[in-house]
C-alpha atoms as a PDB file:
ATOM      1  CA  MET A   1      -0.117  -0.047  -0.040  1.00  0.00           C
ATOM      2  CA  LYS A   2       1.283   3.450  -1.074  1.00  0.00           C
ATOM      3  CA  VAL A   3       1.676   6.277   1.247  1.00  0.00           C
ATOM      4  CA  ALA A   4       2.895   9.715   0.094  1.00  0.00           C
ATOM      5  CA  ILE A   5       5.179  11.520   2.299  1.00  0.00           C
ATOM      6  CA  ALA A   6       4.301  15.167   2.309  1.00  0.00           C
ATOM      7  CA  THR A   7       8.033  16.962   2.381  1.00  0.00           C
ATOM      8  CA  LYS A   8      10.601  18.049   0.123  1.00  0.00           C
ATOM      9  CA  ASN A   9      13.146  17.826   2.865  1.00  0.00           C
ATOM     10  CA  ARG A  10      15.847  15.232   1.907  1.00  0.00           C
ATOM     11  CA  GLY A  11      16.702  14.497   5.436  1.00  0.00           C
ATOM     12  CA  LYS A  12      13.157  13.751   6.677  1.00  0.00           C
ATOM     13  CA  LEU A  13      12.834  11.648   3.629  1.00  0.00           C
ATOM     14  CA  GLU A  14      15.537   9.691   4.557  1.00  0.00           C
ATOM     15  CA  GLU A  15      14.605   9.191   7.845  1.00  0.00           C
ATOM     16  CA  PHE A  16      11.058   7.989   6.721  1.00  0.00           C
ATOM     17  CA  GLU A  17      12.793   5.598   4.461  1.00  0.00           C
ATOM     18  CA  GLU A  18      14.700   4.008   7.363  1.00  0.00           C
ATOM     19  CA  LEU A  19      11.665   4.033   9.375  1.00  0.00           C
ATOM     20  CA  ALA A  20       9.404   2.248   6.905  1.00  0.00           C
ATOM     21  CA  SER A  21      11.345  -0.845   6.669  1.00  0.00           C
ATOM     22  CA  GLY A  22       9.763  -3.798   7.769  1.00  0.00           C
ATOM     23  CA  THR A  23       6.216  -2.338   7.421  1.00  0.00           C
ATOM     24  CA  PRO A  24       3.763  -3.369   4.826  1.00  0.00           C
ATOM     25  CA  TYR A  25       3.503   0.042   3.484  1.00  0.00           C
ATOM     26  CA  GLU A  26       5.329   1.577   0.646  1.00  0.00           C
ATOM     27  CA  PHE A  27       6.318   5.406   1.556  1.00  0.00           C
ATOM     28  CA  ILE A  28       6.773   7.316  -1.655  1.00  0.00           C
ATOM     29  CA  LYS A  29       8.200  10.901  -2.145  1.00  0.00           C
ATOM     30  CA  ILE A  30       6.298  13.518  -3.845  1.00  0.00           C
ATOM     31  CA  PRO A  31       6.387  13.379  -7.544  1.00  0.00           C
ATOM     32  CA  ASP A  32       8.509  16.147  -9.208  1.00  0.00           C
ATOM     33  CA  ARG A  33       5.438  17.547 -10.980  1.00  0.00           C
ATOM     34  CA  ILE A  34       4.498  18.836  -7.594  1.00  0.00           C
ATOM     35  CA  LYS A  35       7.043  21.912  -7.381  1.00  0.00           C
ATOM     36  CA  ASP A  36       5.874  23.478  -3.954  1.00  0.00           C
ATOM     37  CA  LEU A  37       3.873  22.490  -1.103  1.00  0.00           C
ATOM     38  CA  PRO A  38       1.148  25.075   0.503  1.00  0.00           C
ATOM     39  CA  PRO A  39       2.513  27.716   2.860  1.00  0.00           C
ATOM     40  CA  GLU A  40       2.813  26.651   6.283  1.00  0.00           C
ATOM     41  CA  THR A  41       0.234  29.096   7.612  1.00  0.00           C
ATOM     42  CA  GLY A  42      -0.836  26.910  10.603  1.00  0.00           C
ATOM     43  CA  LYS A  43      -0.178  28.199  14.291  1.00  0.00           C
ATOM     44  CA  SER A  44       0.893  24.780  15.415  1.00  0.00           C
ATOM     45  CA  PHE A  45       2.777  21.802  14.281  1.00  0.00           C
ATOM     46  CA  TYR A  46      -0.475  19.966  13.963  1.00  0.00           C
ATOM     47  CA  GLU A  47      -1.977  22.649  11.912  1.00  0.00           C
ATOM     48  CA  ASN A  48       0.990  22.854   9.435  1.00  0.00           C
ATOM     49  CA  ALA A  49       1.170  18.941   9.045  1.00  0.00           C
ATOM     50  CA  LEU A  50      -2.481  18.553   8.128  1.00  0.00           C
ATOM     51  CA  ILE A  51      -2.028  21.410   5.516  1.00  0.00           C
ATOM     52  CA  LYS A  52       0.513  19.468   3.660  1.00  0.00           C
ATOM     53  CA  ALA A  53      -0.779  15.910   4.353  1.00  0.00           C
ATOM     54  CA  GLU A  54      -4.127  16.930   3.057  1.00  0.00           C
ATOM     55  CA  PHE A  55      -2.883  18.763  -0.097  1.00  0.00           C
ATOM     56  CA  ILE A  56      -0.663  15.960  -1.148  1.00  0.00           C
ATOM     57  CA  SER A  57      -3.113  13.453  -0.555  1.00  0.00           C
ATOM     58  CA  LYS A  58      -5.478  15.063  -2.817  1.00  0.00           C
ATOM     59  CA  GLU A  59      -3.084  15.645  -5.381  1.00  0.00           C
ATOM     60  CA  LEU A  60      -2.149  12.119  -5.690  1.00  0.00           C
ATOM     61  CA  GLY A  61      -5.223  10.240  -4.599  1.00  0.00           C
ATOM     62  CA  ILE A  62      -3.622   8.144  -2.148  1.00  0.00           C
ATOM     63  CA  PRO A  63      -3.093   8.870   1.727  1.00  0.00           C
ATOM     64  CA  ALA A  64      -0.406  10.912   2.865  1.00  0.00           C
ATOM     65  CA  ILE A  65       1.859  11.785   5.793  1.00  0.00           C
ATOM     66  CA  GLY A  66       2.472  15.366   6.673  1.00  0.00           C
ATOM     67  CA  ASP A  67       5.163  16.134   9.077  1.00  0.00           C
ATOM     68  CA  ASP A  68       5.777  19.162  10.762  1.00  0.00           C
ATOM     69  CA  SER A  69       8.767  19.245  13.316  1.00  0.00           C
ATOM     70  CA  GLY A  70      10.976  21.753  15.099  1.00  0.00           C
ATOM     71  CA  LEU A  71      12.801  22.895  18.100  1.00  0.00           C
ATOM     72  CA  GLU A  72      11.767  24.646  21.181  1.00  0.00           C
ATOM     73  CA  VAL A  73      13.877  26.179  23.648  1.00  0.00           C
ATOM     74  CA  ASP A  74      12.856  26.904  26.986  1.00  0.00           C
ATOM     75  CA  ALA A  75      15.212  30.017  27.551  1.00  0.00           C
ATOM     76  CA  LEU A  76      13.593  31.287  24.187  1.00  0.00           C
ATOM     77  CA  ASN A  77      10.069  30.653  25.351  1.00  0.00           C
ATOM     78  CA  GLY A  78       9.833  28.046  22.674  1.00  0.00           C
ATOM     79  CA  GLU A  79      11.293  29.330  20.125  1.00  0.00           C
ATOM     80  CA  PRO A  80      12.070  28.788  16.860  1.00  0.00           C
ATOM     81  CA  GLY A  81       9.067  26.385  17.466  1.00  0.00           C
ATOM     82  CA  ILE A  82       6.959  26.115  14.065  1.00  0.00           C
ATOM     83  CA  PHE A  83       9.373  28.670  12.566  1.00  0.00           C
ATOM     84  CA  SER A  84      12.555  26.384  13.030  1.00  0.00           C
ATOM     85  CA  ALA A  85      13.175  25.566   9.348  1.00  0.00           C
ATOM     86  CA  ARG A  86      12.683  29.603   8.588  1.00  0.00           C
ATOM     87  CA  TYR A  87      14.332  30.728  11.700  1.00  0.00           C
ATOM     88  CA  SER A  88      17.051  32.608  10.160  1.00  0.00           C
ATOM     89  CA  GLU A  89      16.856  35.270   7.007  1.00  0.00           C
ATOM     90  CA  SER A  90      18.395  32.494   4.705  1.00  0.00           C
ATOM     91  CA  GLY A  91      16.730  29.582   6.318  1.00  0.00           C
ATOM     92  CA  THR A  92      19.689  27.172   5.894  1.00  0.00           C
ATOM     93  CA  ASP A  93      20.610  24.687   8.295  1.00  0.00           C
ATOM     94  CA  ILE A  94      23.858  26.515   9.229  1.00  0.00           C
ATOM     95  CA  ASP A  95      22.466  29.915   9.516  1.00  0.00           C
ATOM     96  CA  ASN A  96      19.403  28.686  11.511  1.00  0.00           C
ATOM     97  CA  CYS A  97      22.127  26.804  14.009  1.00  0.00           C
ATOM     98  CA  LYS A  98      24.241  29.960  14.169  1.00  0.00           C
ATOM     99  CA  LYS A  99      21.347  32.515  14.719  1.00  0.00           C
ATOM    100  CA  LEU A 100      20.238  30.068  17.873  1.00  0.00           C
ATOM    101  CA  LEU A 101      23.874  29.882  19.279  1.00  0.00           C
ATOM    102  CA  GLN A 102      23.815  33.573  19.023  1.00  0.00           C
ATOM    103  CA  GLU A 103      20.424  34.065  20.867  1.00  0.00           C
ATOM    104  CA  LEU A 104      21.666  31.572  23.704  1.00  0.00           C
ATOM    105  CA  ALA A 105      25.278  33.274  23.918  1.00  0.00           C
ATOM    106  CA  GLY A 106      24.628  34.751  27.496  1.00  0.00           C
ATOM    107  CA  PHE A 107      22.812  31.322  28.989  1.00  0.00           C
ATOM    108  CA  ASN A 108      24.753  28.549  30.736  1.00  0.00           C
ATOM    109  CA  GLU A 109      24.449  24.789  30.351  1.00  0.00           C
ATOM    110  CA  LYS A 110      21.476  24.474  32.659  1.00  0.00           C
ATOM    111  CA  GLN A 111      19.685  27.452  31.016  1.00  0.00           C
ATOM    112  CA  ARG A 112      19.942  25.500  27.567  1.00  0.00           C
ATOM    113  CA  THR A 113      17.360  23.006  27.920  1.00  0.00           C
ATOM    114  CA  ALA A 114      15.411  22.171  24.541  1.00  0.00           C
ATOM    115  CA  ARG A 115      13.283  19.661  23.086  1.00  0.00           C
ATOM    116  CA  PHE A 116      12.551  18.354  19.262  1.00  0.00           C
ATOM    117  CA  LYS A 117       8.934  17.864  18.864  1.00  0.00           C
ATOM    118  CA  CYS A 118       7.069  16.225  15.821  1.00  0.00           C
ATOM    119  CA  CYS A 119       3.726  16.043  14.668  1.00  0.00           C
ATOM    120  CA  LEU A 120       2.718  13.506  12.005  1.00  0.00           C
ATOM    121  CA  VAL A 121      -0.655  13.702  10.251  1.00  0.00           C
ATOM    122  CA  GLY A 122      -2.200  11.056   8.292  1.00  0.00           C
ATOM    123  CA  TYR A 123      -4.887  12.105   5.901  1.00  0.00           C
ATOM    124  CA  PHE A 124      -7.082  10.283   3.217  1.00  0.00           C
ATOM    125  CA  GLU A 125     -10.605  11.373   1.938  1.00  0.00           C
ATOM    126  CA  GLY A 126     -11.273  13.318   5.098  1.00  0.00           C
ATOM    127  CA  GLU A 127      -9.998  10.609   7.478  1.00  0.00           C
ATOM    128  CA  ILE A 128      -7.374  12.179   9.857  1.00  0.00           C
ATOM    129  CA  ILE A 129      -4.955  10.445  12.181  1.00  0.00           C
ATOM    130  CA  LYS A 130      -2.210  12.203  14.247  1.00  0.00           C
ATOM    131  CA  SER A 131       0.747  11.198  16.378  1.00  0.00           C
ATOM    132  CA  PHE A 132       3.027  13.449  18.389  1.00  0.00           C
ATOM    133  CA  GLY A 133       6.834  12.784  19.607  1.00  0.00           C
ATOM    134  CA  SER A 134       9.446  14.654  21.333  1.00  0.00           C
ATOM    135  CA  LEU A 135      12.893  14.183  22.045  1.00  0.00           C
ATOM    136  CA  GLU A 136      14.667  16.178  25.416  1.00  0.00           C
ATOM    137  CA  GLY A 137      18.204  17.580  25.130  1.00  0.00           C
ATOM    138  CA  ASN A 138      20.199  20.780  25.588  1.00  0.00           C
ATOM    139  CA  ILE A 139      21.604  23.274  23.008  1.00  0.00           C
ATOM    140  CA  ALA A 140      25.390  22.994  22.782  1.00  0.00           C
ATOM    141  CA  THR A 141      27.681  25.682  22.372  1.00  0.00           C
ATOM    142  CA  ASN A 142      29.571  24.486  19.309  1.00  0.00           C
ATOM    143  CA  PHE A 143      28.843  22.379  16.375  1.00  0.00           C
ATOM    144  CA  LYS A 144      29.727  18.804  16.434  1.00  0.00           C
ATOM    145  CA  GLY A 145      29.237  15.532  14.063  1.00  0.00           C
ATOM    146  CA  LYS A 146      28.331  15.328  10.375  1.00  0.00           C
ATOM    147  CA  ASN A 147      25.107  13.330  10.066  1.00  0.00           C
ATOM    148  CA  GLY A 148      21.554  14.349  10.303  1.00  0.00           C
ATOM    149  CA  PHE A 149      20.207  17.581   9.378  1.00  0.00           C
ATOM    150  CA  GLY A 150      18.696  20.732  10.703  1.00  0.00           C
ATOM    151  CA  TYR A 151      19.591  21.554  14.436  1.00  0.00           C
ATOM    152  CA  ASP A 152      21.294  18.156  14.990  1.00  0.00           C
ATOM    153  CA  PRO A 153      24.789  19.503  15.291  1.00  0.00           C
ATOM    154  CA  ILE A 154      24.086  21.732  18.041  1.00  0.00           C
ATOM    155  CA  PHE A 155      21.606  19.536  19.906  1.00  0.00           C
ATOM    156  CA  ILE A 156      22.832  17.192  22.689  1.00  0.00           C
ATOM    157  CA  THR A 157      20.977  14.039  23.601  1.00  0.00           C
ATOM    158  CA  ARG A 158      20.434  13.314  27.275  1.00  0.00           C
ATOM    159  CA  ASP A 159      23.337  10.639  26.572  1.00  0.00           C
ATOM    160  CA  GLY A 160      25.663  13.631  26.106  1.00  0.00           C
ATOM    161  CA  LEU A 161      26.191  13.140  22.386  1.00  0.00           C
ATOM    162  CA  HIS A 162      25.184  15.681  19.566  1.00  0.00           C
ATOM    163  CA  LEU A 163      22.343  14.176  17.654  1.00  0.00           C
ATOM    164  CA  ALA A 164      24.868  14.509  14.494  1.00  0.00           C
ATOM    165  CA  GLU A 165      27.276  12.294  15.835  1.00  0.00           C
ATOM    166  CA  LEU A 166      24.604   9.289  15.691  1.00  0.00           C
ATOM    167  CA  ASP A 167      23.893   7.400  12.374  1.00  0.00           C
ATOM    168  CA  GLN A 168      20.509   7.433  10.869  1.00  0.00           C
ATOM    169  CA  LYS A 169      19.633   3.892  12.853  1.00  0.00           C
ATOM    170  CA  GLU A 170      20.798   5.275  16.219  1.00  0.00           C
ATOM    171  CA  LYS A 171      18.941   8.449  15.646  1.00  0.00           C
ATOM    172  CA  ASN A 172      15.952   6.571  14.716  1.00  0.00           C
ATOM    173  CA  HIS A 173      15.940   4.610  18.098  1.00  0.00           C
ATOM    174  CA  ILE A 174      15.492   7.911  20.173  1.00  0.00           C
ATOM    175  CA  SER A 175      14.356  10.521  17.846  1.00  0.00           C
ATOM    176  CA  HIS A 176      10.947  12.890  18.220  1.00  0.00           C
ATOM    177  CA  ARG A 177      10.000  11.742  14.387  1.00  0.00           C
ATOM    178  CA  SER A 178      10.819   7.965  15.417  1.00  0.00           C
ATOM    179  CA  SER A 179       8.298   8.128  18.354  1.00  0.00           C
ATOM    180  CA  ALA A 180       5.514   9.790  16.446  1.00  0.00           C
ATOM    181  CA  PHE A 181       6.007   7.644  13.242  1.00  0.00           C
ATOM    182  CA  LYS A 182       5.532   4.312  15.633  1.00  0.00           C
ATOM    183  CA  LEU A 183       2.349   5.860  17.287  1.00  0.00           C
ATOM    184  CA  LEU A 184       0.963   6.678  13.822  1.00  0.00           C
ATOM    185  CA  LEU A 185       1.758   3.109  12.565  1.00  0.00           C
ATOM    186  CA  GLU A 186      -0.513   1.927  15.124  1.00  0.00           C
ATOM    187  CA  ASN A 187      -3.706   3.729  13.490  1.00  0.00           C
ATOM    188  CA  ILE A 188      -2.341   4.129   9.724  1.00  0.00           C
ATOM    189  CA  ASN A 189      -4.448   1.138   8.394  1.00  0.00           C
ATOM    190  CA  ARG A 190      -7.576   3.415   9.273  1.00  0.00           C
ATOM    191  CA  LEU A 191      -6.718   5.557   6.186  1.00  0.00           C
ATOM    192  CA  PHE A 192      -7.169   2.535   3.807  1.00  0.00           C
ATOM    193  CA  ASN A 193     -10.637   1.460   5.200  1.00  0.00           C
END
């Protein structure tokens, strides 16, 4: 059974491919003919994930999963939150990380608590399923590791490693997206009935 993943983010696609192994579902990427996803005008991770899932499902006529995720930093009142991917002016991973490190320059280690949050929404013909996941940690003062994407090089897990130091399989054991995906899988068959 085919399910479209409503994202253009290569890093997210790779994570979904790894997570999907061993399931009865074939998770497919968006065809190249669909150039852009609709604007993320929602006020929450859930609203933005739903916007993407509904759009892609209607375009392709199959179930779709929308993902919206981001980083919430306690010292910054939950920022960057739903604006994580477009936090800096350029919106590139490196510039987003640099801006966050600048914003936290005066904060000590205990004040740098943060979490990755993920909302996944499955959509097909008006049927909606949703799930949430999170990963607690801290924001580092420097970059470390060559894996992952987004804020992974500056996010320290509870084990003391930067998320970018973990390979894909290691990351998928603990990640916010993995947690949400496992919960979503419990109910995804509802989209096919």
